[in-house]
PDB file of N, CA and C in Angstrom:
ATOM      1  N   MET A   1       2.944 -16.551  -0.163  1.00  0.00           N
ATOM      2  CA  MET A   1       2.910 -17.010   1.154  1.00  0.00           C
ATOM      3  C   MET A   1       1.546 -17.482   1.674  1.00  0.00           C
ATOM      4  N   ASP A   2       1.607 -18.815   2.087  1.00  0.00           N
ATOM      5  CA  ASP A   2       0.366 -19.254   2.372  1.00  0.00           C
ATOM      6  C   ASP A   2      -0.531 -18.491   3.551  1.00  0.00           C
ATOM      7  N   GLY A   3      -1.776 -18.438   3.346  1.00  0.00           N
ATOM      8  CA  GLY A   3      -2.637 -17.581   4.235  1.00  0.00           C
ATOM      9  C   GLY A   3      -2.631 -16.168   4.261  1.00  0.00           C
ATOM     10  N   CYS A   4      -1.735 -15.722   3.269  1.00  0.00           N
ATOM     11  CA  CYS A   4      -1.689 -14.101   3.170  1.00  0.00           C
ATOM     12  C   CYS A   4      -2.758 -13.591   2.441  1.00  0.00           C
ATOM     13  N   ILE A   5      -3.512 -12.780   2.901  1.00  0.00           N
ATOM     14  CA  ILE A   5      -4.679 -12.251   2.117  1.00  0.00           C
ATOM     15  C   ILE A   5      -4.334 -11.445   1.007  1.00  0.00           C
ATOM     16  N   PHE A   6      -3.214 -10.709   0.986  1.00  0.00           N
ATOM     17  CA  PHE A   6      -2.848  -9.824  -0.128  1.00  0.00           C
ATOM     18  C   PHE A   6      -2.219 -10.625  -1.120  1.00  0.00           C
ATOM     19  N   CYS A   7      -1.432 -11.803  -0.852  1.00  0.00           N
ATOM     20  CA  CYS A   7      -1.087 -12.575  -1.784  1.00  0.00           C
ATOM     21  C   CYS A   7      -2.248 -13.403  -2.611  1.00  0.00           C
ATOM     22  N   LYS A   8      -3.176 -13.749  -1.962  1.00  0.00           N
ATOM     23  CA  LYS A   8      -4.504 -14.360  -2.472  1.00  0.00           C
ATOM     24  C   LYS A   8      -4.923 -13.285  -3.590  1.00  0.00           C
ATOM     25  N   ILE A   9      -5.043 -12.114  -3.071  1.00  0.00           N
ATOM     26  CA  ILE A   9      -5.724 -11.096  -3.954  1.00  0.00           C
ATOM     27  C   ILE A   9      -4.807 -11.004  -5.062  1.00  0.00           C
ATOM     28  N   ALA A  10      -3.460 -11.005  -4.882  1.00  0.00           N
ATOM     29  CA  ALA A  10      -2.449 -10.608  -6.164  1.00  0.00           C
ATOM     30  C   ALA A  10      -2.666 -11.777  -7.009  1.00  0.00           C
ATOM     31  N   SER A  11      -2.829 -13.047  -6.606  1.00  0.00           N
ATOM     32  CA  SER A  11      -3.116 -14.182  -7.444  1.00  0.00           C
ATOM     33  C   SER A  11      -4.473 -14.460  -8.036  1.00  0.00           C
ATOM     34  N   GLY A  12      -5.453 -13.571  -7.652  1.00  0.00           N
ATOM     35  CA  GLY A  12      -6.630 -13.764  -8.111  1.00  0.00           C
ATOM     36  C   GLY A  12      -7.719 -14.621  -7.453  1.00  0.00           C
ATOM     37  N   GLU A  13      -7.029 -15.331  -6.395  1.00  0.00           N
ATOM     38  CA  GLU A  13      -7.765 -16.158  -5.543  1.00  0.00           C
ATOM     39  C   GLU A  13      -8.836 -15.596  -4.759  1.00  0.00           C
ATOM     40  N   VAL A  14      -8.800 -14.302  -4.295  1.00  0.00           N
ATOM     41  CA  VAL A  14      -9.483 -13.558  -3.522  1.00  0.00           C
ATOM     42  C   VAL A  14      -9.967 -12.175  -4.256  1.00  0.00           C
ATOM     43  N   PRO A  15     -11.208 -11.941  -4.590  1.00  0.00           N
ATOM     44  CA  PRO A  15     -11.468 -10.594  -5.230  1.00  0.00           C
ATOM     45  C   PRO A  15     -11.252  -9.557  -4.580  1.00  0.00           C
ATOM     46  N   ALA A  16     -10.958  -8.541  -5.414  1.00  0.00           N
ATOM     47  CA  ALA A  16     -10.742  -7.111  -4.540  1.00  0.00           C
ATOM     48  C   ALA A  16     -10.918  -6.014  -5.708  1.00  0.00           C
ATOM     49  N   LYS A  17     -11.249  -4.701  -5.403  1.00  0.00           N
ATOM     50  CA  LYS A  17     -11.348  -3.700  -6.238  1.00  0.00           C
ATOM     51  C   LYS A  17     -10.064  -3.202  -6.606  1.00  0.00           C
ATOM     52  N   VAL A  18      -9.429  -3.694  -7.722  1.00  0.00           N
ATOM     53  CA  VAL A  18      -8.156  -3.337  -8.172  1.00  0.00           C
ATOM     54  C   VAL A  18      -8.233  -2.128  -8.889  1.00  0.00           C
ATOM     55  N   VAL A  19      -7.396  -1.107  -8.536  1.00  0.00           N
ATOM     56  CA  VAL A  19      -7.279   0.199  -9.312  1.00  0.00           C
ATOM     57  C   VAL A  19      -6.167   0.381  -9.993  1.00  0.00           C
ATOM     58  N   TYR A  20      -5.015  -0.417  -9.813  1.00  0.00           N
ATOM     59  CA  TYR A  20      -3.904  -0.353 -10.582  1.00  0.00           C
ATOM     60  C   TYR A  20      -3.065  -1.627 -10.456  1.00  0.00           C
ATOM     61  N   ARG A  21      -2.673  -2.235 -11.604  1.00  0.00           N
ATOM     62  CA  ARG A  21      -1.766  -3.352 -11.808  1.00  0.00           C
ATOM     63  C   ARG A  21      -0.930  -3.219 -12.805  1.00  0.00           C
ATOM     64  N   ALA A  22       0.436  -3.331 -12.482  1.00  0.00           N
ATOM     65  CA  ALA A  22       1.341  -3.338 -13.605  1.00  0.00           C
ATOM     66  C   ALA A  22       2.600  -4.044 -12.967  1.00  0.00           C
ATOM     67  N   GLY A  23       3.142  -5.042 -13.754  1.00  0.00           N
ATOM     68  CA  GLY A  23       4.244  -5.724 -13.310  1.00  0.00           C
ATOM     69  C   GLY A  23       4.184  -6.350 -11.988  1.00  0.00           C
ATOM     70  N   ASP A  24       4.949  -5.817 -11.238  1.00  0.00           N
ATOM     71  CA  ASP A  24       5.192  -6.439  -9.674  1.00  0.00           C
ATOM     72  C   ASP A  24       4.512  -5.548  -8.766  1.00  0.00           C
ATOM     73  N   LEU A  25       3.505  -4.583  -9.087  1.00  0.00           N
ATOM     74  CA  LEU A  25       2.920  -3.761  -8.226  1.00  0.00           C
ATOM     75  C   LEU A  25       1.375  -3.897  -8.432  1.00  0.00           C
ATOM     76  N   LEU A  26       0.644  -3.609  -7.256  1.00  0.00           N
ATOM     77  CA  LEU A  26      -0.744  -3.936  -7.389  1.00  0.00           C
ATOM     78  C   LEU A  26      -1.474  -2.698  -6.358  1.00  0.00           C
ATOM     79  N   ALA A  27      -2.547  -2.102  -6.614  1.00  0.00           N
ATOM     80  CA  ALA A  27      -3.179  -1.157  -5.863  1.00  0.00           C
ATOM     81  C   ALA A  27      -4.631  -1.530  -5.728  1.00  0.00           C
ATOM     82  N   ILE A  28      -5.348  -1.578  -4.580  1.00  0.00           N
ATOM     83  CA  ILE A  28      -6.725  -1.963  -4.345  1.00  0.00           C
ATOM     84  C   ILE A  28      -7.294  -1.038  -3.397  1.00  0.00           C
ATOM     85  N   GLU A  29      -8.631  -0.817  -3.478  1.00  0.00           N
ATOM     86  CA  GLU A  29      -9.381  -0.007  -2.599  1.00  0.00           C
ATOM     87  C   GLU A  29      -9.367  -0.746  -1.111  1.00  0.00           C
ATOM     88  N   ASP A  30      -9.237   0.087  -0.173  1.00  0.00           N
ATOM     89  CA  ASP A  30      -9.325  -0.458   1.204  1.00  0.00           C
ATOM     90  C   ASP A  30     -10.691  -0.729   1.451  1.00  0.00           C
ATOM     91  N   LEU A  31     -11.030  -1.870   2.278  1.00  0.00           N
ATOM     92  CA  LEU A  31     -12.244  -2.389   2.631  1.00  0.00           C
ATOM     93  C   LEU A  31     -12.986  -1.462   3.586  1.00  0.00           C
ATOM     94  N   ASN A  32     -11.919  -1.014   4.477  1.00  0.00           N
ATOM     95  CA  ASN A  32     -12.641  -0.024   5.641  1.00  0.00           C
ATOM     96  C   ASN A  32     -12.028   1.388   5.385  1.00  0.00           C
ATOM     97  N   PRO A  33     -12.536   2.150   4.251  1.00  0.00           N
ATOM     98  CA  PRO A  33     -11.636   3.294   3.955  1.00  0.00           C
ATOM     99  C   PRO A  33     -11.958   4.422   5.171  1.00  0.00           C
ATOM    100  N   GLN A  34     -10.748   5.130   5.270  1.00  0.00           N
ATOM    101  CA  GLN A  34     -10.601   6.309   6.341  1.00  0.00           C
ATOM    102  C   GLN A  34     -10.661   7.606   5.794  1.00  0.00           C
ATOM    103  N   ALA A  35     -10.863   7.572   4.394  1.00  0.00           N
ATOM    104  CA  ALA A  35     -10.982   8.814   3.532  1.00  0.00           C
ATOM    105  C   ALA A  35     -11.698   8.506   2.338  1.00  0.00           C
ATOM    106  N   PRO A  36     -12.320   9.482   1.801  1.00  0.00           N
ATOM    107  CA  PRO A  36     -12.929   9.465   0.380  1.00  0.00           C
ATOM    108  C   PRO A  36     -12.114   8.592  -0.581  1.00  0.00           C
ATOM    109  N   ALA A  37     -10.992   8.644  -0.643  1.00  0.00           N
ATOM    110  CA  ALA A  37     -10.055   7.712  -1.382  1.00  0.00           C
ATOM    111  C   ALA A  37      -9.075   7.105  -0.367  1.00  0.00           C
ATOM    112  N   HIS A  38      -9.062   5.756  -0.157  1.00  0.00           N
ATOM    113  CA  HIS A  38      -8.066   5.110   0.625  1.00  0.00           C
ATOM    114  C   HIS A  38      -7.649   3.778  -0.159  1.00  0.00           C
ATOM    115  N   LEU A  39      -6.582   3.910  -0.627  1.00  0.00           N
ATOM    116  CA  LEU A  39      -5.985   2.714  -1.362  1.00  0.00           C
ATOM    117  C   LEU A  39      -4.832   1.956  -0.589  1.00  0.00           C
ATOM    118  N   LEU A  40      -4.562   0.766  -1.021  1.00  0.00           N
ATOM    119  CA  LEU A  40      -3.282   0.140  -0.517  1.00  0.00           C
ATOM    120  C   LEU A  40      -2.527  -0.223  -1.777  1.00  0.00           C
ATOM    121  N   VAL A  41      -1.355   0.107  -1.650  1.00  0.00           N
ATOM    122  CA  VAL A  41      -0.526  -0.042  -2.969  1.00  0.00           C
ATOM    123  C   VAL A  41       0.652  -1.097  -2.248  1.00  0.00           C
ATOM    124  N   MET A  42       0.843  -2.262  -3.041  1.00  0.00           N
ATOM    125  CA  MET A  42       1.782  -3.282  -2.583  1.00  0.00           C
ATOM    126  C   MET A  42       2.522  -4.121  -3.465  1.00  0.00           C
ATOM    127  N   PRO A  43       3.609  -4.754  -3.242  1.00  0.00           N
ATOM    128  CA  PRO A  43       4.160  -5.558  -4.223  1.00  0.00           C
ATOM    129  C   PRO A  43       3.268  -6.792  -4.481  1.00  0.00           C
ATOM    130  N   VAL A  44       3.388  -7.391  -5.616  1.00  0.00           N
ATOM    131  CA  VAL A  44       2.796  -8.681  -5.763  1.00  0.00           C
ATOM    132  C   VAL A  44       3.430  -9.851  -4.928  1.00  0.00           C
ATOM    133  N   LYS A  45       4.798  -9.703  -4.937  1.00  0.00           N
ATOM    134  CA  LYS A  45       5.673 -10.834  -4.083  1.00  0.00           C
ATOM    135  C   LYS A  45       5.666 -10.418  -2.785  1.00  0.00           C
ATOM    136  N   HIS A  46       5.372 -11.414  -1.906  1.00  0.00           N
ATOM    137  CA  HIS A  46       5.324 -11.306  -0.492  1.00  0.00           C
ATOM    138  C   HIS A  46       6.526 -10.645   0.210  1.00  0.00           C
ATOM    139  N   TYR A  47       6.393  -9.611   0.706  1.00  0.00           N
ATOM    140  CA  TYR A  47       7.456  -9.076   1.560  1.00  0.00           C
ATOM    141  C   TYR A  47       6.719  -8.761   2.957  1.00  0.00           C
ATOM    142  N   GLU A  48       7.306  -9.128   4.132  1.00  0.00           N
ATOM    143  CA  GLU A  48       6.652  -9.005   5.184  1.00  0.00           C
ATOM    144  C   GLU A  48       6.597  -7.489   5.686  1.00  0.00           C
ATOM    145  N   ALA A  49       7.519  -6.719   5.536  1.00  0.00           N
ATOM    146  CA  ALA A  49       7.620  -5.273   5.964  1.00  0.00           C
ATOM    147  C   ALA A  49       8.326  -4.455   5.042  1.00  0.00           C
ATOM    148  N   LEU A  50       8.431  -3.258   5.105  1.00  0.00           N
ATOM    149  CA  LEU A  50       9.254  -2.327   4.274  1.00  0.00           C
ATOM    150  C   LEU A  50      10.550  -2.548   4.189  1.00  0.00           C
ATOM    151  N   TRP A  51      11.051  -2.977   5.487  1.00  0.00           N
ATOM    152  CA  TRP A  51      12.579  -3.289   5.551  1.00  0.00           C
ATOM    153  C   TRP A  51      12.874  -4.425   4.601  1.00  0.00           C
ATOM    154  N   ASP A  52      12.093  -5.275   4.330  1.00  0.00           N
ATOM    155  CA  ASP A  52      12.351  -6.588   3.641  1.00  0.00           C
ATOM    156  C   ASP A  52      12.573  -6.169   2.281  1.00  0.00           C
ATOM    157  N   VAL A  53      11.992  -4.990   1.759  1.00  0.00           N
ATOM    158  CA  VAL A  53      12.011  -4.609   0.326  1.00  0.00           C
ATOM    159  C   VAL A  53      13.386  -3.816   0.179  1.00  0.00           C
ATOM    160  N   THR A  54      13.939  -3.203   1.127  1.00  0.00           N
ATOM    161  CA  THR A  54      15.075  -2.344   0.791  1.00  0.00           C
ATOM    162  C   THR A  54      16.289  -3.044   0.434  1.00  0.00           C
ATOM    163  N   SER A  55      17.246  -2.430  -0.160  1.00  0.00           N
ATOM    164  CA  SER A  55      18.489  -3.058  -0.637  1.00  0.00           C
ATOM    165  C   SER A  55      19.223  -3.235   0.547  1.00  0.00           C
ATOM    166  N   ALA A  56      19.282  -2.552   1.737  1.00  0.00           N
ATOM    167  CA  ALA A  56      20.023  -2.833   2.873  1.00  0.00           C
ATOM    168  C   ALA A  56      19.623  -4.237   3.442  1.00  0.00           C
ATOM    169  N   ASN A  57      18.381  -4.962   3.058  1.00  0.00           N
ATOM    170  CA  ASN A  57      18.184  -6.201   3.432  1.00  0.00           C
ATOM    171  C   ASN A  57      18.265  -7.110   2.312  1.00  0.00           C
ATOM    172  N   HIS A  58      18.918  -6.878   1.353  1.00  0.00           N
ATOM    173  CA  HIS A  58      19.030  -7.555  -0.008  1.00  0.00           C
ATOM    174  C   HIS A  58      17.600  -7.672  -0.650  1.00  0.00           C
ATOM    175  N   GLY A  59      16.938  -6.719  -0.523  1.00  0.00           N
ATOM    176  CA  GLY A  59      15.584  -6.500  -1.207  1.00  0.00           C
ATOM    177  C   GLY A  59      15.934  -6.008  -2.580  1.00  0.00           C
ATOM    178  N   ASP A  60      14.918  -5.254  -3.078  1.00  0.00           N
ATOM    179  CA  ASP A  60      14.865  -4.603  -4.401  1.00  0.00           C
ATOM    180  C   ASP A  60      14.641  -3.074  -4.119  1.00  0.00           C
ATOM    181  N   GLU A  61      15.651  -2.409  -4.292  1.00  0.00           N
ATOM    182  CA  GLU A  61      15.730  -0.927  -4.098  1.00  0.00           C
ATOM    183  C   GLU A  61      14.657  -0.333  -5.062  1.00  0.00           C
ATOM    184  N   LYS A  62      14.818  -0.673  -6.221  1.00  0.00           N
ATOM    185  CA  LYS A  62      13.783  -0.075  -7.309  1.00  0.00           C
ATOM    186  C   LYS A  62      12.445  -0.401  -6.967  1.00  0.00           C
ATOM    187  N   LEU A  63      12.129  -1.612  -6.497  1.00  0.00           N
ATOM    188  CA  LEU A  63      10.840  -1.855  -6.205  1.00  0.00           C
ATOM    189  C   LEU A  63      10.089  -0.878  -5.006  1.00  0.00           C
ATOM    190  N   ALA A  64      11.027  -0.609  -4.026  1.00  0.00           N
ATOM    191  CA  ALA A  64      10.680   0.287  -3.084  1.00  0.00           C
ATOM    192  C   ALA A  64      10.437   1.693  -3.660  1.00  0.00           C
ATOM    193  N   ALA A  65      11.351   2.041  -4.622  1.00  0.00           N
ATOM    194  CA  ALA A  65      11.027   3.329  -5.151  1.00  0.00           C
ATOM    195  C   ALA A  65       9.773   3.416  -5.962  1.00  0.00           C
ATOM    196  N   ARG A  66       9.527   2.209  -6.698  1.00  0.00           N
ATOM    197  CA  ARG A  66       8.171   2.130  -7.477  1.00  0.00           C
ATOM    198  C   ARG A  66       6.984   2.274  -6.665  1.00  0.00           C
ATOM    199  N   LEU A  67       7.121   1.626  -5.457  1.00  0.00           N
ATOM    200  CA  LEU A  67       5.984   1.613  -4.602  1.00  0.00           C
ATOM    201  C   LEU A  67       5.781   2.922  -4.178  1.00  0.00           C
ATOM    202  N   LEU A  68       6.653   3.908  -3.835  1.00  0.00           N
ATOM    203  CA  LEU A  68       6.427   5.123  -3.435  1.00  0.00           C
ATOM    204  C   LEU A  68       5.794   5.982  -4.738  1.00  0.00           C
ATOM    205  N   GLU A  69       6.542   5.746  -5.669  1.00  0.00           N
ATOM    206  CA  GLU A  69       6.118   6.485  -6.924  1.00  0.00           C
ATOM    207  C   GLU A  69       4.555   6.299  -7.475  1.00  0.00           C
ATOM    208  N   ILE A  70       4.101   5.123  -7.277  1.00  0.00           N
ATOM    209  CA  ILE A  70       2.749   4.768  -7.702  1.00  0.00           C
ATOM    210  C   ILE A  70       1.786   5.327  -6.550  1.00  0.00           C
ATOM    211  N   ALA A  71       2.168   5.157  -5.390  1.00  0.00           N
ATOM    212  CA  ALA A  71       1.387   5.656  -4.244  1.00  0.00           C
ATOM    213  C   ALA A  71       1.157   7.133  -4.418  1.00  0.00           C
ATOM    214  N   ALA A  72       2.329   7.817  -4.613  1.00  0.00           N
ATOM    215  CA  ALA A  72       2.155   9.469  -4.850  1.00  0.00           C
ATOM    216  C   ALA A  72       1.267   9.666  -6.115  1.00  0.00           C
ATOM    217  N   ARG A  73       1.466   8.826  -7.303  1.00  0.00           N
ATOM    218  CA  ARG A  73       0.634   9.046  -8.405  1.00  0.00           C
ATOM    219  C   ARG A  73      -0.933   9.023  -8.006  1.00  0.00           C
ATOM    220  N   LEU A  74      -1.241   7.883  -7.516  1.00  0.00           N
ATOM    221  CA  LEU A  74      -2.607   7.440  -7.191  1.00  0.00           C
ATOM    222  C   LEU A  74      -3.079   8.596  -6.132  1.00  0.00           C
ATOM    223  N   GLY A  75      -2.218   8.965  -5.223  1.00  0.00           N
ATOM    224  CA  GLY A  75      -2.756  10.100  -4.331  1.00  0.00           C
ATOM    225  C   GLY A  75      -3.226  11.231  -4.955  1.00  0.00           C
ATOM    226  N   ARG A  76      -2.458  11.619  -5.798  1.00  0.00           N
ATOM    227  CA  ARG A  76      -2.922  12.833  -6.794  1.00  0.00           C
ATOM    228  C   ARG A  76      -4.150  12.616  -7.728  1.00  0.00           C
ATOM    229  N   GLU A  77      -4.043  11.429  -8.075  1.00  0.00           N
ATOM    230  CA  GLU A  77      -5.130  11.347  -9.133  1.00  0.00           C
ATOM    231  C   GLU A  77      -6.599  10.840  -8.380  1.00  0.00           C
ATOM    232  N   ARG A  78      -6.398  10.570  -7.145  1.00  0.00           N
ATOM    233  CA  ARG A  78      -7.705  10.249  -6.445  1.00  0.00           C
ATOM    234  C   ARG A  78      -8.032  11.294  -5.616  1.00  0.00           C
ATOM    235  N   GLY A  79      -7.792  12.525  -5.877  1.00  0.00           N
ATOM    236  CA  GLY A  79      -8.431  13.729  -5.117  1.00  0.00           C
ATOM    237  C   GLY A  79      -7.428  14.361  -4.286  1.00  0.00           C
ATOM    238  N   GLY A  80      -6.095  14.163  -4.445  1.00  0.00           N
ATOM    239  CA  GLY A  80      -5.091  14.694  -3.674  1.00  0.00           C
ATOM    240  C   GLY A  80      -4.514  15.982  -4.270  1.00  0.00           C
ATOM    241  N   ALA A  81      -5.214  16.750  -5.084  1.00  0.00           N
ATOM    242  CA  ALA A  81      -4.695  17.805  -5.705  1.00  0.00           C
ATOM    243  C   ALA A  81      -4.245  19.018  -4.566  1.00  0.00           C
ATOM    244  N   GLN A  82      -4.995  18.909  -3.412  1.00  0.00           N
ATOM    245  CA  GLN A  82      -4.609  19.719  -2.340  1.00  0.00           C
ATOM    246  C   GLN A  82      -3.654  18.964  -1.297  1.00  0.00           C
ATOM    247  N   GLY A  83      -3.499  17.824  -1.455  1.00  0.00           N
ATOM    248  CA  GLY A  83      -2.620  17.076  -0.625  1.00  0.00           C
ATOM    249  C   GLY A  83      -3.239  15.507  -0.344  1.00  0.00           C
ATOM    250  N   TYR A  84      -2.376  14.738   0.014  1.00  0.00           N
ATOM    251  CA  TYR A  84      -2.655  13.426   0.323  1.00  0.00           C
ATOM    252  C   TYR A  84      -1.826  12.809   1.346  1.00  0.00           C
ATOM    253  N   ARG A  85      -2.098  11.744   2.078  1.00  0.00           N
ATOM    254  CA  ARG A  85      -1.203  11.091   2.928  1.00  0.00           C
ATOM    255  C   ARG A  85      -0.802   9.681   2.695  1.00  0.00           C
ATOM    256  N   ILE A  86       0.347   9.216   2.730  1.00  0.00           N
ATOM    257  CA  ILE A  86       0.932   7.985   2.433  1.00  0.00           C
ATOM    258  C   ILE A  86       1.516   7.556   3.814  1.00  0.00           C
ATOM    259  N   VAL A  87       0.933   6.325   4.289  1.00  0.00           N
ATOM    260  CA  VAL A  87       1.315   5.805   5.565  1.00  0.00           C
ATOM    261  C   VAL A  87       1.859   4.397   5.419  1.00  0.00           C
ATOM    262  N   VAL A  88       2.738   3.935   6.147  1.00  0.00           N
ATOM    263  CA  VAL A  88       3.285   2.598   6.126  1.00  0.00           C
ATOM    264  C   VAL A  88       3.346   2.170   7.524  1.00  0.00           C
ATOM    265  N   ASN A  89       2.478   1.010   7.801  1.00  0.00           N
ATOM    266  CA  ASN A  89       2.492   0.694   9.243  1.00  0.00           C
ATOM    267  C   ASN A  89       3.578  -0.553   9.253  1.00  0.00           C
ATOM    268  N   THR A  90       4.245  -0.624  10.174  1.00  0.00           N
ATOM    269  CA  THR A  90       5.245  -1.738  10.301  1.00  0.00           C
ATOM    270  C   THR A  90       5.304  -2.408  11.731  1.00  0.00           C
ATOM    271  N   GLY A  91       5.000  -3.524  11.702  1.00  0.00           N
ATOM    272  CA  GLY A  91       4.923  -4.447  12.841  1.00  0.00           C
ATOM    273  C   GLY A  91       3.739  -4.202  13.598  1.00  0.00           C
ATOM    274  N   SER A  92       3.381  -4.986  14.764  1.00  0.00           N
ATOM    275  CA  SER A  92       2.146  -4.822  15.553  1.00  0.00           C
ATOM    276  C   SER A  92       1.976  -3.390  16.170  1.00  0.00           C
ATOM    277  N   ASP A  93       3.210  -2.996  16.876  1.00  0.00           N
ATOM    278  CA  ASP A  93       3.117  -1.827  17.395  1.00  0.00           C
ATOM    279  C   ASP A  93       2.919  -0.468  16.518  1.00  0.00           C
ATOM    280  N   GLY A  94       3.322  -0.848  15.214  1.00  0.00           N
ATOM    281  CA  GLY A  94       3.186   0.295  14.357  1.00  0.00           C
ATOM    282  C   GLY A  94       1.756   0.057  13.521  1.00  0.00           C
ATOM    283  N   GLY A  95       0.925  -0.772  14.047  1.00  0.00           N
ATOM    284  CA  GLY A  95      -0.383  -0.813  13.417  1.00  0.00           C
ATOM    285  C   GLY A  95      -0.583  -1.633  12.241  1.00  0.00           C
ATOM    286  N   GLN A  96       0.399  -2.409  11.946  1.00  0.00           N
ATOM    287  CA  GLN A  96       0.212  -3.377  10.604  1.00  0.00           C
ATOM    288  C   GLN A  96      -0.537  -4.582  11.003  1.00  0.00           C
ATOM    289  N   THR A  97      -1.423  -4.798  10.397  1.00  0.00           N
ATOM    290  CA  THR A  97      -2.548  -5.939  10.669  1.00  0.00           C
ATOM    291  C   THR A  97      -2.419  -6.956   9.597  1.00  0.00           C
ATOM    292  N   VAL A  98      -1.814  -6.716   8.409  1.00  0.00           N
ATOM    293  CA  VAL A  98      -1.459  -7.765   7.497  1.00  0.00           C
ATOM    294  C   VAL A  98      -0.052  -7.833   7.317  1.00  0.00           C
ATOM    295  N   GLY A  99       0.591  -8.997   7.253  1.00  0.00           N
ATOM    296  CA  GLY A  99       2.091  -9.205   7.304  1.00  0.00           C
ATOM    297  C   GLY A  99       2.535  -9.074   5.752  1.00  0.00           C
ATOM    298  N   HIS A 100       2.225  -8.180   5.073  1.00  0.00           N
ATOM    299  CA  HIS A 100       2.500  -8.198   3.607  1.00  0.00           C
ATOM    300  C   HIS A 100       2.647  -6.527   3.508  1.00  0.00           C
ATOM    301  N   VAL A 101       3.788  -6.142   3.140  1.00  0.00           N
ATOM    302  CA  VAL A 101       3.989  -4.605   3.088  1.00  0.00           C
ATOM    303  C   VAL A 101       3.038  -3.960   2.079  1.00  0.00           C
ATOM    304  N   HIS A 102       2.516  -3.015   2.630  1.00  0.00           N
ATOM    305  CA  HIS A 102       1.432  -2.090   1.759  1.00  0.00           C
ATOM    306  C   HIS A 102       1.582  -0.455   2.376  1.00  0.00           C
ATOM    307  N   LEU A 103       1.393   0.213   1.270  1.00  0.00           N
ATOM    308  CA  LEU A 103       1.333   1.623   1.432  1.00  0.00           C
ATOM    309  C   LEU A 103      -0.113   2.110   1.461  1.00  0.00           C
ATOM    310  N   HIS A 104      -0.547   2.666   2.668  1.00  0.00           N
ATOM    311  CA  HIS A 104      -1.887   3.203   2.638  1.00  0.00           C
ATOM    312  C   HIS A 104      -1.758   4.649   1.796  1.00  0.00           C
ATOM    313  N   VAL A 105      -2.847   4.956   0.959  1.00  0.00           N
ATOM    314  CA  VAL A 105      -2.784   6.324   0.195  1.00  0.00           C
ATOM    315  C   VAL A 105      -4.147   6.778   0.611  1.00  0.00           C
ATOM    316  N   LEU A 106      -4.226   7.862   1.293  1.00  0.00           N
ATOM    317  CA  LEU A 106      -5.425   8.613   1.810  1.00  0.00           C
ATOM    318  C   LEU A 106      -5.582   9.985   1.183  1.00  0.00           C
ATOM    319  N   ALA A 107      -6.798  10.162   0.501  1.00  0.00           N
ATOM    320  CA  ALA A 107      -6.866  11.401  -0.280  1.00  0.00           C
ATOM    321  C   ALA A 107      -8.429  11.838  -0.201  1.00  0.00           C
ATOM    322  N   GLY A 108      -8.623  13.130  -0.481  1.00  0.00           N
ATOM    323  CA  GLY A 108     -10.089  13.498  -0.896  1.00  0.00           C
ATOM    324  C   GLY A 108     -10.537  14.278   0.413  1.00  0.00           C
ATOM    325  N   ARG A 109      -9.978  14.459   1.646  1.00  0.00           N
ATOM    326  CA  ARG A 109     -10.310  15.138   2.691  1.00  0.00           C
ATOM    327  C   ARG A 109      -8.935  15.855   3.207  1.00  0.00           C
ATOM    328  N   ARG A 110      -9.295  16.828   4.213  1.00  0.00           N
ATOM    329  CA  ARG A 110      -8.143  17.368   4.981  1.00  0.00           C
ATOM    330  C   ARG A 110      -7.659  16.427   6.050  1.00  0.00           C
ATOM    331  N   MET A 111      -6.518  15.997   6.103  1.00  0.00           N
ATOM    332  CA  MET A 111      -6.002  15.098   7.171  1.00  0.00           C
ATOM    333  C   MET A 111      -5.501  15.905   8.214  1.00  0.00           C
ATOM    334  N   THR A 112      -5.911  15.370   9.442  1.00  0.00           N
ATOM    335  CA  THR A 112      -5.272  15.973  10.902  1.00  0.00           C
ATOM    336  C   THR A 112      -4.242  15.329  11.560  1.00  0.00           C
ATOM    337  N   TRP A 113      -3.686  15.878  12.354  1.00  0.00           N
ATOM    338  CA  TRP A 113      -2.514  15.316  13.056  1.00  0.00           C
ATOM    339  C   TRP A 113      -2.747  15.828  14.674  1.00  0.00           C
ATOM    340  N   PRO A 114      -2.532  14.595  15.473  1.00  0.00           N
ATOM    341  CA  PRO A 114      -1.972  13.354  15.233  1.00  0.00           C
ATOM    342  C   PRO A 114      -3.030  12.453  14.728  1.00  0.00           C
ATOM    343  N   PRO A 115      -2.620  11.431  13.950  1.00  0.00           N
ATOM    344  CA  PRO A 115      -3.688  10.725  13.352  1.00  0.00           C
ATOM    345  C   PRO A 115      -4.261   9.768  14.164  1.00  0.00           C
ATOM    346  N   GLY A 116      -3.726   9.242  15.372  1.00  0.00           N
ATOM    347  CA  GLY A 116      -4.424   8.432  16.233  1.00  0.00           C
ATOM    348  C   GLY A 116      -3.431   7.511  16.991  1.00  0.00           C
TER     349      GLY A 116
END
């Protein structure tokens, strides 16, 4: 998608600290971390929001499952032995600032509630 920063990262056009890349998934370090470990897990292919990845919207159900699987694995590996948080912001009211679906993985500290 033209202008999408995550698509540019996925294509190698824009540099990022890539911590995982396999097939159609990519994980990078967040530029503004909110925890000692703060990663963004995303599909390489452009999908606007999580709904677009789901089979209910003719997306790829297996891709949605892999997104969650990799996010959980990275959460555990990056300091989440005692717990971690996975967040998906959807739409402007949900806090989504980049229109390319991505899961935030936060680990390495105690998470509080409400988050904000």
